[in-house]
């Protein structure tokens, strides 16, 4: 009798627990690449920038439209108030008061729609910068500065977590 060491060897595959493909959420031309291929990136680190000029202009236009709609709402409110005061003295047709109330409600809805447009365009501006969603190792960039990217279609890169890792064993 003697002590014997026994062991088996099994093939294994190491894989990241978190791995995602980075995709652009807006279309445009890539204007900035802020990492080195294969580097370790930190969560929140700037990785890519897509030309924001069109999205900035849309945001400014949406803000201007909101101001116009707010001004229209003010006018509609003043008209409705004025017509209601005249109605109390029977100095105006009821139909005019109804029209003023309808115009006021329409103006309120237009302000809500304009606010939604501002939020949507602001979101598009934010999507022109792409940050690392978690810390890990970034792969080789699939696009270069000046390349066109399409929203939701163009894969920019892949990020994989490197701590902890998973080992898949085939026994």
N, C-alpha and C. Protein backbone atom coordinates (compact mmCIF):
# COMPACT_ATOMS: atom_id res chain seq x y z
N UNK A 1 0.84 -1.18 0.00
CA UNK A 1 0.00 0.00 0.00
C UNK A 1 0.88 1.24 0.00
N UNK A 2 0.37 2.26 -0.75
CA UNK A 2 1.04 3.55 -0.75
C UNK A 2 0.06 4.63 -1.18
N UNK A 3 0.26 5.88 -0.76
CA UNK A 3 -0.65 6.97 -1.17
C UNK A 3 -0.50 7.23 -2.67
N UNK A 4 -1.63 7.40 -3.31
CA UNK A 4 -1.62 7.64 -4.75
C UNK A 4 -2.42 8.91 -5.03
N UNK A 5 -1.91 9.76 -5.88
CA UNK A 5 -2.65 10.95 -6.32
C UNK A 5 -3.35 10.61 -7.61
N UNK A 6 -4.61 10.90 -7.65
CA UNK A 6 -5.39 10.58 -8.83
C UNK A 6 -6.09 11.86 -9.29
N UNK A 7 -6.10 12.07 -10.56
CA UNK A 7 -6.82 13.23 -11.08
C UNK A 7 -7.31 12.93 -12.49
N UNK A 8 -8.36 13.66 -12.88
CA UNK A 8 -8.88 13.59 -14.24
C UNK A 8 -8.75 14.96 -14.88
N UNK A 9 -8.64 15.00 -16.15
CA UNK A 9 -8.62 16.26 -16.88
C UNK A 9 -9.89 16.33 -17.72
N UNK A 10 -10.53 17.47 -17.66
CA UNK A 10 -11.76 17.70 -18.42
C UNK A 10 -11.61 18.99 -19.22
N UNK A 11 -12.12 19.00 -20.42
CA UNK A 11 -12.07 20.26 -21.18
C UNK A 11 -13.04 21.28 -20.56
N UNK A 12 -12.66 22.55 -20.60
CA UNK A 12 -13.50 23.61 -20.04
C UNK A 12 -13.43 24.83 -20.94
N UNK A 13 -14.47 25.59 -20.89
CA UNK A 13 -14.52 26.84 -21.63
C UNK A 13 -14.77 27.96 -20.64
N UNK A 14 -13.92 28.97 -20.64
CA UNK A 14 -14.12 30.13 -19.79
C UNK A 14 -15.00 31.12 -20.54
N UNK A 15 -15.95 31.67 -19.83
CA UNK A 15 -16.81 32.67 -20.46
C UNK A 15 -17.16 33.76 -19.46
N UNK A 16 -17.43 34.92 -19.99
CA UNK A 16 -17.79 36.05 -19.14
C UNK A 16 -19.22 35.88 -18.66
N UNK A 17 -19.47 36.29 -17.42
CA UNK A 17 -20.84 36.23 -16.91
C UNK A 17 -21.70 37.31 -17.54
N UNK A 18 -21.10 38.45 -17.83
CA UNK A 18 -21.80 39.53 -18.52
C UNK A 18 -21.08 39.83 -19.82
N UNK A 19 -21.82 39.81 -20.90
CA UNK A 19 -21.25 40.17 -22.20
C UNK A 19 -22.36 40.79 -23.04
N UNK A 20 -22.10 41.96 -23.58
CA UNK A 20 -23.11 42.60 -24.42
C UNK A 20 -22.48 43.17 -25.67
N UNK A 21 -23.30 43.26 -26.69
CA UNK A 21 -22.92 43.97 -27.91
C UNK A 21 -23.37 45.41 -27.77
N UNK A 22 -22.46 46.33 -28.00
CA UNK A 22 -22.82 47.74 -27.98
C UNK A 22 -23.39 48.11 -29.34
N UNK A 23 -24.58 48.70 -29.34
CA UNK A 23 -25.22 49.15 -30.57
C UNK A 23 -25.58 50.62 -30.44
N UNK A 24 -25.53 51.32 -31.55
CA UNK A 24 -25.93 52.73 -31.55
C UNK A 24 -27.45 52.80 -31.42
N UNK A 25 -27.95 53.79 -30.69
CA UNK A 25 -29.39 53.98 -30.56
C UNK A 25 -29.89 55.12 -31.44
N UNK A 26 -28.93 55.83 -32.08
CA UNK A 26 -29.28 56.86 -33.06
C UNK A 26 -28.38 56.66 -34.28
N UNK A 27 -28.84 57.15 -35.41
CA UNK A 27 -28.06 57.04 -36.65
C UNK A 27 -27.20 58.29 -36.84
N UNK A 28 -26.10 58.11 -37.51
CA UNK A 28 -25.22 59.24 -37.81
C UNK A 28 -23.83 58.75 -38.11
N UNK A 29 -22.90 59.70 -38.12
CA UNK A 29 -21.50 59.38 -38.38
C UNK A 29 -20.73 59.39 -37.06
N UNK A 30 -19.86 58.41 -36.89
CA UNK A 30 -19.06 58.30 -35.68
C UNK A 30 -18.01 59.41 -35.69
N UNK A 31 -18.00 60.23 -34.65
CA UNK A 31 -17.05 61.35 -34.58
C UNK A 31 -15.99 61.16 -33.51
N UNK A 32 -16.15 60.17 -32.64
CA UNK A 32 -15.15 59.97 -31.61
C UNK A 32 -15.10 58.55 -31.11
N UNK A 33 -13.87 58.10 -30.85
CA UNK A 33 -13.61 56.77 -30.31
C UNK A 33 -12.65 56.99 -29.15
N UNK A 34 -13.03 56.65 -27.92
CA UNK A 34 -12.29 57.07 -26.74
C UNK A 34 -11.74 55.93 -25.90
N UNK A 35 -11.20 54.92 -26.53
CA UNK A 35 -10.60 53.80 -25.82
C UNK A 35 -9.64 53.11 -26.79
N UNK A 36 -8.85 52.19 -26.25
CA UNK A 36 -7.96 51.38 -27.08
C UNK A 36 -8.55 49.98 -27.16
N UNK A 37 -8.50 49.37 -28.32
CA UNK A 37 -9.04 48.01 -28.50
C UNK A 37 -8.41 47.06 -27.48
N UNK A 38 -9.27 46.25 -26.85
CA UNK A 38 -8.80 45.26 -25.89
C UNK A 38 -8.52 45.82 -24.51
N UNK A 39 -8.81 47.10 -24.29
CA UNK A 39 -8.52 47.73 -23.00
C UNK A 39 -9.56 47.37 -21.95
N UNK A 40 -9.20 47.58 -20.70
CA UNK A 40 -10.16 47.44 -19.60
C UNK A 40 -10.86 48.79 -19.47
N UNK A 41 -12.18 48.78 -19.49
CA UNK A 41 -12.95 50.02 -19.37
C UNK A 41 -13.76 49.98 -18.08
N UNK A 42 -14.01 51.17 -17.54
CA UNK A 42 -14.78 51.30 -16.31
C UNK A 42 -16.22 51.63 -16.63
N UNK A 43 -17.13 51.24 -15.76
CA UNK A 43 -18.54 51.57 -15.93
C UNK A 43 -18.69 53.09 -16.03
N UNK A 44 -19.44 53.55 -17.03
CA UNK A 44 -19.66 54.97 -17.23
C UNK A 44 -18.59 55.66 -18.06
N UNK A 45 -17.57 54.95 -18.48
CA UNK A 45 -16.50 55.56 -19.30
C UNK A 45 -17.03 55.85 -20.69
N UNK A 46 -16.70 57.03 -21.23
CA UNK A 46 -17.08 57.40 -22.59
C UNK A 46 -16.36 56.49 -23.58
N UNK A 47 -17.13 55.90 -24.49
CA UNK A 47 -16.54 54.99 -25.47
C UNK A 47 -16.62 55.55 -26.90
N UNK A 48 -17.82 55.98 -27.29
CA UNK A 48 -18.05 56.45 -28.66
C UNK A 48 -18.88 57.74 -28.63
N UNK A 49 -18.73 58.53 -29.68
CA UNK A 49 -19.61 59.69 -29.85
C UNK A 49 -20.06 59.71 -31.32
N UNK A 50 -21.36 59.92 -31.49
CA UNK A 50 -21.97 60.04 -32.82
C UNK A 50 -22.27 61.52 -33.02
N UNK A 51 -22.10 62.00 -34.23
CA UNK A 51 -22.29 63.42 -34.55
C UNK A 51 -23.63 63.91 -34.01
N UNK A 52 -23.62 64.86 -33.04
CA UNK A 52 -24.87 65.29 -32.40
C UNK A 52 -25.54 66.49 -33.06
N UNK A 53 -24.98 67.04 -34.12
CA UNK A 53 -25.49 68.30 -34.67
C UNK A 53 -26.96 68.24 -35.04
N UNK A 54 -27.37 67.23 -35.75
CA UNK A 54 -28.77 67.10 -36.16
C UNK A 54 -29.68 66.97 -34.95
N UNK A 55 -29.24 66.18 -33.96
CA UNK A 55 -30.05 65.95 -32.77
C UNK A 55 -30.11 67.20 -31.90
N UNK A 56 -29.00 67.96 -31.83
CA UNK A 56 -29.02 69.23 -31.10
C UNK A 56 -30.01 70.20 -31.75
N UNK A 57 -29.97 70.27 -33.08
CA UNK A 57 -30.89 71.16 -33.80
C UNK A 57 -32.35 70.76 -33.56
N UNK A 58 -32.62 69.46 -33.59
CA UNK A 58 -33.99 68.98 -33.33
C UNK A 58 -34.43 69.32 -31.90
N UNK A 59 -33.50 69.24 -30.96
CA UNK A 59 -33.81 69.58 -29.57
C UNK A 59 -34.14 71.07 -29.44
N UNK A 60 -33.32 71.90 -30.07
CA UNK A 60 -33.58 73.35 -30.03
C UNK A 60 -34.91 73.69 -30.70
N UNK A 61 -35.21 73.03 -31.80
CA UNK A 61 -36.48 73.24 -32.49
C UNK A 61 -37.65 72.81 -31.60
N UNK A 62 -37.50 71.70 -30.91
CA UNK A 62 -38.57 71.22 -30.02
C UNK A 62 -38.77 72.19 -28.85
N UNK A 63 -37.68 72.75 -28.32
CA UNK A 63 -37.81 73.72 -27.24
C UNK A 63 -38.52 74.98 -27.73
N UNK A 64 -38.18 75.44 -28.93
CA UNK A 64 -38.82 76.63 -29.50
C UNK A 64 -40.31 76.36 -29.72
N UNK A 65 -40.63 75.18 -30.23
CA UNK A 65 -42.03 74.81 -30.45
C UNK A 65 -42.79 74.77 -29.13
N UNK A 66 -42.15 74.29 -28.08
CA UNK A 66 -42.79 74.27 -26.76
C UNK A 66 -43.11 75.70 -26.31
N UNK A 67 -42.17 76.61 -26.51
CA UNK A 67 -42.43 78.01 -26.13
C UNK A 67 -43.59 78.61 -26.92
N UNK A 68 -43.67 78.28 -28.20
CA UNK A 68 -44.79 78.76 -29.03
C UNK A 68 -46.11 78.20 -28.49
N UNK A 69 -46.12 76.90 -28.17
CA UNK A 69 -47.34 76.27 -27.67
C UNK A 69 -47.74 76.83 -26.30
N UNK A 70 -46.76 77.14 -25.46
CA UNK A 70 -47.06 77.75 -24.17
C UNK A 70 -47.66 79.14 -24.34
N UNK A 71 -47.15 79.89 -25.32
CA UNK A 71 -47.71 81.21 -25.62
C UNK A 71 -49.14 81.08 -26.14
N UNK A 72 -49.37 80.10 -27.00
CA UNK A 72 -50.73 79.85 -27.49
C UNK A 72 -51.67 79.47 -26.35
N UNK A 73 -51.16 78.70 -25.40
CA UNK A 73 -51.96 78.32 -24.23
C UNK A 73 -52.33 79.55 -23.40
N UNK A 74 -51.36 80.43 -23.22
CA UNK A 74 -51.64 81.67 -22.48
C UNK A 74 -52.75 82.47 -23.15
N UNK A 75 -52.65 82.61 -24.47
CA UNK A 75 -53.66 83.35 -25.23
C UNK A 75 -55.03 82.68 -25.10
N UNK A 76 -55.05 81.36 -25.25
CA UNK A 76 -56.32 80.62 -25.15
C UNK A 76 -56.91 80.75 -23.75
N UNK A 77 -56.06 80.76 -22.72
CA UNK A 77 -56.55 80.92 -21.35
C UNK A 77 -57.15 82.30 -21.15
N UNK A 78 -56.49 83.33 -21.66
CA UNK A 78 -57.01 84.70 -21.54
C UNK A 78 -58.33 84.85 -22.29
N UNK A 79 -58.39 84.27 -23.50
CA UNK A 79 -59.63 84.33 -24.27
C UNK A 79 -60.77 83.65 -23.53
N UNK A 80 -60.50 82.45 -22.99
CA UNK A 80 -61.54 81.70 -22.27
C UNK A 80 -61.99 82.48 -21.04
N UNK A 81 -61.05 83.06 -20.31
CA UNK A 81 -61.42 83.84 -19.12
C UNK A 81 -62.29 85.05 -19.52
N UNK A 82 -61.88 85.72 -20.57
CA UNK A 82 -62.62 86.89 -21.04
C UNK A 82 -64.03 86.49 -21.48
N UNK A 83 -64.14 85.41 -22.23
CA UNK A 83 -65.46 84.98 -22.72
C UNK A 83 -66.35 84.51 -21.58
N UNK A 84 -65.76 83.86 -20.57
CA UNK A 84 -66.57 83.44 -19.42
C UNK A 84 -67.09 84.65 -18.64
N UNK A 85 -66.27 85.70 -18.54
CA UNK A 85 -66.73 86.91 -17.87
C UNK A 85 -67.86 87.57 -18.67
N UNK A 86 -67.72 87.60 -19.99
CA UNK A 86 -68.78 88.17 -20.82
C UNK A 86 -70.05 87.31 -20.74
N UNK A 87 -69.85 85.99 -20.62
CA UNK A 87 -71.00 85.09 -20.53
C UNK A 87 -71.80 85.33 -19.24
N UNK A 88 -71.10 85.67 -18.18
CA UNK A 88 -71.78 85.94 -16.92
C UNK A 88 -72.73 87.14 -17.03
N UNK A 89 -72.43 88.04 -17.98
CA UNK A 89 -73.27 89.23 -18.20
C UNK A 89 -74.16 89.07 -19.43
N UNK A 90 -74.23 87.82 -19.95
CA UNK A 90 -75.03 87.54 -21.15
C UNK A 90 -74.66 88.47 -22.31
N UNK A 91 -73.35 88.72 -22.46
CA UNK A 91 -72.89 89.63 -23.51
C UNK A 91 -72.22 88.90 -24.67
N UNK A 92 -72.32 87.58 -24.68
CA UNK A 92 -71.67 86.81 -25.74
C UNK A 92 -72.48 85.54 -25.97
N UNK A 93 -72.41 85.04 -27.17
CA UNK A 93 -73.11 83.80 -27.49
C UNK A 93 -72.43 82.61 -26.78
N UNK A 94 -73.23 81.67 -26.33
CA UNK A 94 -72.73 80.47 -25.64
C UNK A 94 -71.77 79.69 -26.54
N UNK A 95 -72.05 79.75 -27.82
CA UNK A 95 -71.20 79.03 -28.78
C UNK A 95 -69.77 79.57 -28.74
N UNK A 96 -69.60 80.86 -28.61
CA UNK A 96 -68.26 81.46 -28.53
C UNK A 96 -67.53 80.98 -27.27
N UNK A 97 -68.26 80.86 -26.18
CA UNK A 97 -67.66 80.37 -24.94
C UNK A 97 -67.22 78.91 -25.12
N UNK A 98 -68.07 78.12 -25.76
CA UNK A 98 -67.73 76.72 -26.02
C UNK A 98 -66.49 76.61 -26.91
N UNK A 99 -66.42 77.45 -27.93
CA UNK A 99 -65.25 77.47 -28.82
C UNK A 99 -63.99 77.84 -28.04
N UNK A 100 -64.10 78.81 -27.15
CA UNK A 100 -62.95 79.25 -26.36
C UNK A 100 -62.48 78.13 -25.43
N UNK A 101 -63.44 77.41 -24.81
CA UNK A 101 -63.09 76.29 -23.94
C UNK A 101 -62.41 75.17 -24.73
N UNK A 102 -62.93 74.90 -25.92
CA UNK A 102 -62.33 73.86 -26.76
C UNK A 102 -60.92 74.27 -27.19
N UNK A 103 -60.74 75.54 -27.54
CA UNK A 103 -59.42 76.03 -27.94
C UNK A 103 -58.44 75.94 -26.78
N UNK A 104 -58.93 76.22 -25.57
CA UNK A 104 -58.08 76.12 -24.38
C UNK A 104 -57.65 74.67 -24.15
N UNK A 105 -58.56 73.73 -24.25
CA UNK A 105 -58.21 72.31 -24.07
C UNK A 105 -57.24 71.85 -25.15
N UNK A 106 -57.47 72.28 -26.38
CA UNK A 106 -56.55 71.91 -27.47
C UNK A 106 -55.16 72.49 -27.22
N UNK A 107 -55.10 73.72 -26.72
CA UNK A 107 -53.80 74.34 -26.43
C UNK A 107 -53.08 73.58 -25.32
N UNK A 108 -53.82 73.12 -24.32
CA UNK A 108 -53.20 72.33 -23.25
C UNK A 108 -52.60 71.04 -23.79
N UNK A 109 -53.34 70.38 -24.67
CA UNK A 109 -52.85 69.12 -25.26
C UNK A 109 -51.64 69.38 -26.16
N UNK A 110 -51.63 70.51 -26.86
CA UNK A 110 -50.49 70.84 -27.71
C UNK A 110 -49.23 71.11 -26.88
N UNK A 111 -49.41 71.71 -25.71
CA UNK A 111 -48.27 71.92 -24.81
C UNK A 111 -47.74 70.57 -24.34
N UNK A 112 -48.63 69.64 -23.99
CA UNK A 112 -48.21 68.31 -23.56
C UNK A 112 -47.44 67.60 -24.69
N UNK A 113 -47.95 67.71 -25.91
CA UNK A 113 -47.28 67.09 -27.06
C UNK A 113 -45.91 67.73 -27.29
N UNK A 114 -45.82 69.03 -27.14
CA UNK A 114 -44.54 69.73 -27.33
C UNK A 114 -43.54 69.32 -26.25
N UNK A 115 -44.02 69.13 -25.01
CA UNK A 115 -43.13 68.67 -23.94
C UNK A 115 -42.61 67.27 -24.24
N UNK A 116 -43.47 66.42 -24.77
CA UNK A 116 -43.05 65.06 -25.14
C UNK A 116 -42.00 65.11 -26.25
N UNK A 117 -42.18 66.00 -27.21
CA UNK A 117 -41.21 66.14 -28.29
C UNK A 117 -39.87 66.63 -27.76
N UNK A 118 -39.88 67.53 -26.78
CA UNK A 118 -38.63 67.99 -26.16
C UNK A 118 -37.93 66.82 -25.48
N UNK A 119 -38.69 66.02 -24.73
CA UNK A 119 -38.11 64.87 -24.03
C UNK A 119 -37.52 63.87 -25.03
N UNK A 120 -38.25 63.61 -26.10
CA UNK A 120 -37.76 62.65 -27.11
C UNK A 120 -36.48 63.16 -27.78
N UNK A 121 -36.45 64.42 -28.13
CA UNK A 121 -35.26 64.95 -28.81
C UNK A 121 -34.09 65.06 -27.83
N UNK A 122 -34.38 65.34 -26.57
CA UNK A 122 -33.33 65.38 -25.56
C UNK A 122 -32.72 63.98 -25.37
N UNK A 123 -33.56 62.97 -25.41
CA UNK A 123 -33.09 61.59 -25.30
C UNK A 123 -32.19 61.23 -26.48
N UNK A 124 -32.57 61.66 -27.67
CA UNK A 124 -31.74 61.40 -28.84
C UNK A 124 -30.37 62.05 -28.71
N UNK A 125 -30.33 63.27 -28.15
CA UNK A 125 -29.04 63.94 -27.94
C UNK A 125 -28.19 63.12 -26.98
N UNK A 126 -28.80 62.59 -25.90
CA UNK A 126 -28.06 61.78 -24.94
C UNK A 126 -27.51 60.52 -25.59
N UNK A 127 -28.28 59.94 -26.51
CA UNK A 127 -27.85 58.70 -27.16
C UNK A 127 -26.70 58.90 -28.15
N UNK A 128 -26.29 60.13 -28.39
CA UNK A 128 -25.14 60.35 -29.29
C UNK A 128 -23.82 60.06 -28.59
N UNK A 129 -23.86 59.89 -27.28
CA UNK A 129 -22.67 59.47 -26.55
C UNK A 129 -22.93 58.09 -25.96
N UNK A 130 -21.99 57.20 -26.14
CA UNK A 130 -22.14 55.82 -25.69
C UNK A 130 -21.11 55.56 -24.60
N UNK A 131 -21.61 55.13 -23.44
CA UNK A 131 -20.78 54.87 -22.28
C UNK A 131 -20.76 53.38 -21.98
N UNK A 132 -19.73 52.95 -21.26
CA UNK A 132 -19.62 51.55 -20.86
C UNK A 132 -20.71 51.23 -19.83
N UNK A 133 -21.53 50.21 -20.08
CA UNK A 133 -22.60 49.87 -19.15
C UNK A 133 -22.11 49.18 -17.88
N UNK A 134 -20.92 48.58 -17.94
CA UNK A 134 -20.31 47.95 -16.77
C UNK A 134 -18.81 47.87 -17.01
N UNK A 135 -18.05 47.61 -15.97
CA UNK A 135 -16.60 47.49 -16.10
C UNK A 135 -16.26 46.13 -16.71
N UNK A 136 -15.28 46.13 -17.58
CA UNK A 136 -14.86 44.89 -18.22
C UNK A 136 -13.86 45.15 -19.32
N UNK A 137 -13.69 44.17 -20.17
CA UNK A 137 -12.75 44.27 -21.28
C UNK A 137 -13.54 44.52 -22.56
N UNK A 138 -13.10 45.52 -23.30
CA UNK A 138 -13.76 45.86 -24.56
C UNK A 138 -13.00 45.19 -25.69
N UNK A 139 -13.73 44.79 -26.71
CA UNK A 139 -13.13 44.09 -27.83
C UNK A 139 -12.55 45.05 -28.86
N UNK A 140 -12.46 44.57 -30.07
CA UNK A 140 -11.95 45.37 -31.19
C UNK A 140 -13.12 46.11 -31.81
N UNK A 141 -12.96 47.41 -31.99
CA UNK A 141 -14.04 48.24 -32.52
C UNK A 141 -14.41 47.79 -33.93
N UNK A 142 -15.70 47.65 -34.16
CA UNK A 142 -16.20 47.23 -35.46
C UNK A 142 -16.39 48.41 -36.41
N UNK A 143 -16.26 49.63 -35.89
CA UNK A 143 -16.40 50.85 -36.69
C UNK A 143 -15.25 51.79 -36.37
N UNK A 144 -14.93 52.63 -37.30
CA UNK A 144 -13.87 53.62 -37.13
C UNK A 144 -14.47 55.01 -37.21
N UNK A 145 -13.71 56.00 -36.76
CA UNK A 145 -14.17 57.39 -36.82
C UNK A 145 -14.50 57.74 -38.27
N UNK A 146 -15.69 58.34 -38.47
CA UNK A 146 -16.15 58.70 -39.81
C UNK A 146 -17.11 57.68 -40.40
N UNK A 147 -17.21 56.52 -39.77
CA UNK A 147 -18.11 55.48 -40.28
C UNK A 147 -19.56 55.84 -39.98
N UNK A 148 -20.46 55.52 -40.92
CA UNK A 148 -21.88 55.71 -40.61
C UNK A 148 -22.38 54.57 -39.74
N UNK A 149 -23.25 54.91 -38.78
CA UNK A 149 -23.87 53.89 -37.93
C UNK A 149 -25.38 54.03 -38.02
N UNK A 150 -26.08 52.93 -37.91
CA UNK A 150 -27.54 52.92 -37.97
C UNK A 150 -28.10 52.53 -36.63
N UNK A 151 -29.14 53.22 -36.22
CA UNK A 151 -29.76 52.97 -34.92
C UNK A 151 -30.23 51.53 -34.80
N UNK A 152 -29.77 50.85 -33.75
CA UNK A 152 -30.22 49.50 -33.45
C UNK A 152 -29.65 48.41 -34.33
N UNK A 153 -28.87 48.77 -35.34
CA UNK A 153 -28.37 47.76 -36.27
C UNK A 153 -26.86 47.59 -36.21
N UNK A 154 -26.15 48.69 -36.20
CA UNK A 154 -24.70 48.62 -36.25
C UNK A 154 -24.14 48.19 -34.90
N UNK A 155 -23.40 47.07 -34.90
CA UNK A 155 -22.71 46.64 -33.68
C UNK A 155 -21.39 47.40 -33.63
N UNK A 156 -21.21 48.16 -32.56
CA UNK A 156 -20.00 48.96 -32.42
C UNK A 156 -18.86 48.14 -31.83
N UNK A 157 -19.19 47.35 -30.80
CA UNK A 157 -18.16 46.60 -30.09
C UNK A 157 -18.84 45.62 -29.14
N UNK A 158 -18.03 44.88 -28.40
CA UNK A 158 -18.52 43.96 -27.38
C UNK A 158 -17.75 44.22 -26.09
N UNK A 159 -18.47 44.23 -24.98
CA UNK A 159 -17.82 44.35 -23.68
C UNK A 159 -18.12 43.08 -22.89
N UNK A 160 -17.07 42.55 -22.25
CA UNK A 160 -17.20 41.34 -21.44
C UNK A 160 -16.68 41.62 -20.05
N UNK A 161 -17.41 41.13 -19.06
CA UNK A 161 -16.92 41.25 -17.69
C UNK A 161 -15.78 40.26 -17.53
N UNK A 162 -14.82 40.59 -16.64
CA UNK A 162 -13.70 39.68 -16.45
C UNK A 162 -13.50 39.29 -14.98
N UNK A 163 -14.41 39.73 -14.14
CA UNK A 163 -14.35 39.32 -12.74
C UNK A 163 -15.75 39.40 -12.16
N UNK A 164 -16.38 38.33 -11.88
CA UNK A 164 -15.94 36.93 -11.98
C UNK A 164 -16.17 36.37 -13.38
N UNK A 165 -15.57 35.23 -13.61
CA UNK A 165 -15.71 34.49 -14.86
C UNK A 165 -16.44 33.19 -14.57
N UNK A 166 -16.97 32.56 -15.61
CA UNK A 166 -17.63 31.27 -15.47
C UNK A 166 -16.81 30.22 -16.22
N UNK A 167 -16.80 29.02 -15.69
CA UNK A 167 -16.10 27.91 -16.35
C UNK A 167 -17.15 26.84 -16.66
N UNK A 168 -17.30 26.52 -17.95
CA UNK A 168 -18.21 25.46 -18.36
C UNK A 168 -17.39 24.20 -18.57
N UNK A 169 -17.69 23.17 -17.75
CA UNK A 169 -16.96 21.90 -17.82
C UNK A 169 -17.81 20.85 -18.51
N UNK A 170 -17.19 20.09 -19.37
CA UNK A 170 -17.87 18.94 -19.99
C UNK A 170 -17.28 17.68 -19.36
N UNK A 171 -18.09 17.05 -18.51
CA UNK A 171 -17.59 15.87 -17.81
C UNK A 171 -18.13 14.64 -18.50
